[in-house]
């Protein structure tokens, strides 16, 4: 594998799956593995950015940013949505609504 995105906090346990010179990316600063074999270790985190969220929302509303919504479920049917997601075969994301 050329790269691993570790969101499960595997850290060092996942480094062996990466090819020499590949990249390891995690979202947790406490899950950074020791670098070896020229593997680059990167940390990425998400921060609040209200201005960017407004821009993206405006782009979606105008149609400039196309959103792929496969199916929409009310929040109380989240388990049903998760089961359907596990089946696979859809293009797009599921949206849970709170109405």
C-alpha atoms as a PDB file:
ATOM      1  CA  UNK A   1       0.000   0.000   0.000  1.00  0.00           C
ATOM      2  CA  UNK A   2       1.262   3.467  -0.809  1.00  0.00           C
ATOM      3  CA  UNK A   3      -0.660   5.159   2.006  1.00  0.00           C
ATOM      4  CA  UNK A   4      -2.793   4.560   5.070  1.00  0.00           C
ATOM      5  CA  UNK A   5      -5.365   6.909   6.576  1.00  0.00           C
ATOM      6  CA  UNK A   6      -5.599   5.734  10.173  1.00  0.00           C
ATOM      7  CA  UNK A   7      -8.789   6.889  11.902  1.00  0.00           C
ATOM      8  CA  UNK A   8      -8.903   3.851  14.193  1.00  0.00           C
ATOM      9  CA  UNK A   9      -5.787   4.778  16.206  1.00  0.00           C
ATOM     10  CA  UNK A  10      -3.807   1.767  14.999  1.00  0.00           C
ATOM     11  CA  UNK A  11      -0.637   3.839  14.891  1.00  0.00           C
ATOM     12  CA  UNK A  12       2.486   1.696  14.843  1.00  0.00           C
ATOM     13  CA  UNK A  13       0.471  -1.463  14.111  1.00  0.00           C
ATOM     14  CA  UNK A  14      -0.478  -0.083  10.666  1.00  0.00           C
ATOM     15  CA  UNK A  15       2.974   1.086   9.576  1.00  0.00           C
ATOM     16  CA  UNK A  16       3.937  -2.361   8.248  1.00  0.00           C
ATOM     17  CA  UNK A  17       1.150  -2.188   5.652  1.00  0.00           C
ATOM     18  CA  UNK A  18       2.710   0.851   3.965  1.00  0.00           C
ATOM     19  CA  UNK A  19       5.207   0.573   1.128  1.00  0.00           C
ATOM     20  CA  UNK A  20       8.670   2.054   1.544  1.00  0.00           C
ATOM     21  CA  UNK A  21       8.459   5.802   0.964  1.00  0.00           C
ATOM     22  CA  UNK A  22       4.676   5.819   1.436  1.00  0.00           C
ATOM     23  CA  UNK A  23       2.564   8.024   3.666  1.00  0.00           C
ATOM     24  CA  UNK A  24       0.821   7.442   6.986  1.00  0.00           C
ATOM     25  CA  UNK A  25      -1.899   9.949   7.908  1.00  0.00           C
ATOM     26  CA  UNK A  26      -3.785  10.060  11.187  1.00  0.00           C
ATOM     27  CA  UNK A  27      -6.311  12.377  12.768  1.00  0.00           C
ATOM     28  CA  UNK A  28      -5.023  11.735  16.299  1.00  0.00           C
ATOM     29  CA  UNK A  29      -1.822  13.260  17.666  1.00  0.00           C
ATOM     30  CA  UNK A  30      -1.631  10.428  20.213  1.00  0.00           C
ATOM     31  CA  UNK A  31      -1.498   7.804  17.424  1.00  0.00           C
ATOM     32  CA  UNK A  32       1.606   8.957  15.546  1.00  0.00           C
ATOM     33  CA  UNK A  33       3.887   6.014  14.783  1.00  0.00           C
ATOM     34  CA  UNK A  34       7.661   6.110  14.635  1.00  0.00           C
ATOM     35  CA  UNK A  35       8.759   6.744  11.073  1.00  0.00           C
ATOM     36  CA  UNK A  36      10.687   4.032   9.249  1.00  0.00           C
ATOM     37  CA  UNK A  37      11.643   3.014   5.701  1.00  0.00           C
ATOM     38  CA  UNK A  38      11.203   6.587   4.440  1.00  0.00           C
ATOM     39  CA  UNK A  39       7.498   6.608   5.323  1.00  0.00           C
ATOM     40  CA  UNK A  40       6.142  10.124   5.805  1.00  0.00           C
ATOM     41  CA  UNK A  41       3.978  10.544   8.911  1.00  0.00           C
ATOM     42  CA  UNK A  42       1.329  13.267   8.742  1.00  0.00           C
ATOM     43  CA  UNK A  43      -1.272  14.574  11.168  1.00  0.00           C
ATOM     44  CA  UNK A  44      -4.454  16.164   9.873  1.00  0.00           C
ATOM     45  CA  UNK A  45      -7.159  17.662  11.996  1.00  0.00           C
ATOM     46  CA  UNK A  46     -10.382  19.461  11.241  1.00  0.00           C
ATOM     47  CA  UNK A  47     -11.116  22.841  12.709  1.00  0.00           C
ATOM     48  CA  UNK A  48     -14.186  25.026  12.666  1.00  0.00           C
ATOM     49  CA  UNK A  49     -14.278  27.436   9.729  1.00  0.00           C
ATOM     50  CA  UNK A  50     -17.619  29.234   9.542  1.00  0.00           C
ATOM     51  CA  UNK A  51     -16.594  31.310   6.543  1.00  0.00           C
ATOM     52  CA  UNK A  52     -15.666  28.238   4.488  1.00  0.00           C
ATOM     53  CA  UNK A  53     -18.853  26.446   5.541  1.00  0.00           C
ATOM     54  CA  UNK A  54     -20.887  29.428   4.345  1.00  0.00           C
ATOM     55  CA  UNK A  55     -19.006  29.432   1.027  1.00  0.00           C
ATOM     56  CA  UNK A  56     -19.578  25.699   0.521  1.00  0.00           C
ATOM     57  CA  UNK A  57     -23.247  26.017   1.475  1.00  0.00           C
ATOM     58  CA  UNK A  58     -23.705  28.858  -1.031  1.00  0.00           C
ATOM     59  CA  UNK A  59     -21.953  26.825  -3.744  1.00  0.00           C
ATOM     60  CA  UNK A  60     -24.212  23.832  -3.072  1.00  0.00           C
ATOM     61  CA  UNK A  61     -27.342  26.011  -3.111  1.00  0.00           C
ATOM     62  CA  UNK A  62     -26.351  27.553  -6.466  1.00  0.00           C
ATOM     63  CA  UNK A  63     -25.501  24.177  -8.011  1.00  0.00           C
ATOM     64  CA  UNK A  64     -21.846  25.122  -8.458  1.00  0.00           C
ATOM     65  CA  UNK A  65     -20.924  22.326  -6.028  1.00  0.00           C
ATOM     66  CA  UNK A  66     -22.671  19.077  -6.922  1.00  0.00           C
ATOM     67  CA  UNK A  67     -23.666  16.903  -3.986  1.00  0.00           C
ATOM     68  CA  UNK A  68     -24.193  13.182  -4.368  1.00  0.00           C
ATOM     69  CA  UNK A  69     -26.994  12.105  -2.073  1.00  0.00           C
ATOM     70  CA  UNK A  70     -27.829   8.431  -2.476  1.00  0.00           C
ATOM     71  CA  UNK A  71     -30.640   8.244   0.078  1.00  0.00           C
ATOM     72  CA  UNK A  72     -32.160  10.304   2.877  1.00  0.00           C
ATOM     73  CA  UNK A  73     -33.356   8.874   6.196  1.00  0.00           C
ATOM     74  CA  UNK A  74     -34.938  10.446   9.269  1.00  0.00           C
ATOM     75  CA  UNK A  75     -32.591  10.358  12.268  1.00  0.00           C
ATOM     76  CA  UNK A  76     -34.692   7.712  14.020  1.00  0.00           C
ATOM     77  CA  UNK A  77     -33.921   5.354  11.091  1.00  0.00           C
ATOM     78  CA  UNK A  78     -30.144   5.701  11.437  1.00  0.00           C
ATOM     79  CA  UNK A  79     -29.799   1.954  12.080  1.00  0.00           C
ATOM     80  CA  UNK A  80     -31.668   1.236   8.838  1.00  0.00           C
ATOM     81  CA  UNK A  81     -29.386   3.649   6.946  1.00  0.00           C
ATOM     82  CA  UNK A  82     -26.310   1.987   8.443  1.00  0.00           C
ATOM     83  CA  UNK A  83     -27.568  -1.467   7.416  1.00  0.00           C
ATOM     84  CA  UNK A  84     -28.205  -0.220   3.880  1.00  0.00           C
ATOM     85  CA  UNK A  85     -24.743   1.346   3.745  1.00  0.00           C
ATOM     86  CA  UNK A  86     -23.204  -2.005   4.695  1.00  0.00           C
ATOM     87  CA  UNK A  87     -24.826  -3.610   1.631  1.00  0.00           C
ATOM     88  CA  UNK A  88     -22.929  -1.205  -0.643  1.00  0.00           C
ATOM     89  CA  UNK A  89     -23.485  -0.559  -4.332  1.00  0.00           C
ATOM     90  CA  UNK A  90     -24.629   3.054  -4.080  1.00  0.00           C
ATOM     91  CA  UNK A  91     -23.032   6.207  -5.370  1.00  0.00           C
ATOM     92  CA  UNK A  92     -23.256   9.119  -3.021  1.00  0.00           C
ATOM     93  CA  UNK A  93     -23.790   9.621   0.673  1.00  0.00           C
ATOM     94  CA  UNK A  94     -26.619   9.048   3.057  1.00  0.00           C
ATOM     95  CA  UNK A  95     -28.193  12.043   4.744  1.00  0.00           C
ATOM     96  CA  UNK A  96     -29.852  11.808   8.145  1.00  0.00           C
ATOM     97  CA  UNK A  97     -32.519  14.451   8.657  1.00  0.00           C
ATOM     98  CA  UNK A  98     -33.875  15.873  11.884  1.00  0.00           C
ATOM     99  CA  UNK A  99     -37.440  16.984  11.299  1.00  0.00           C
END
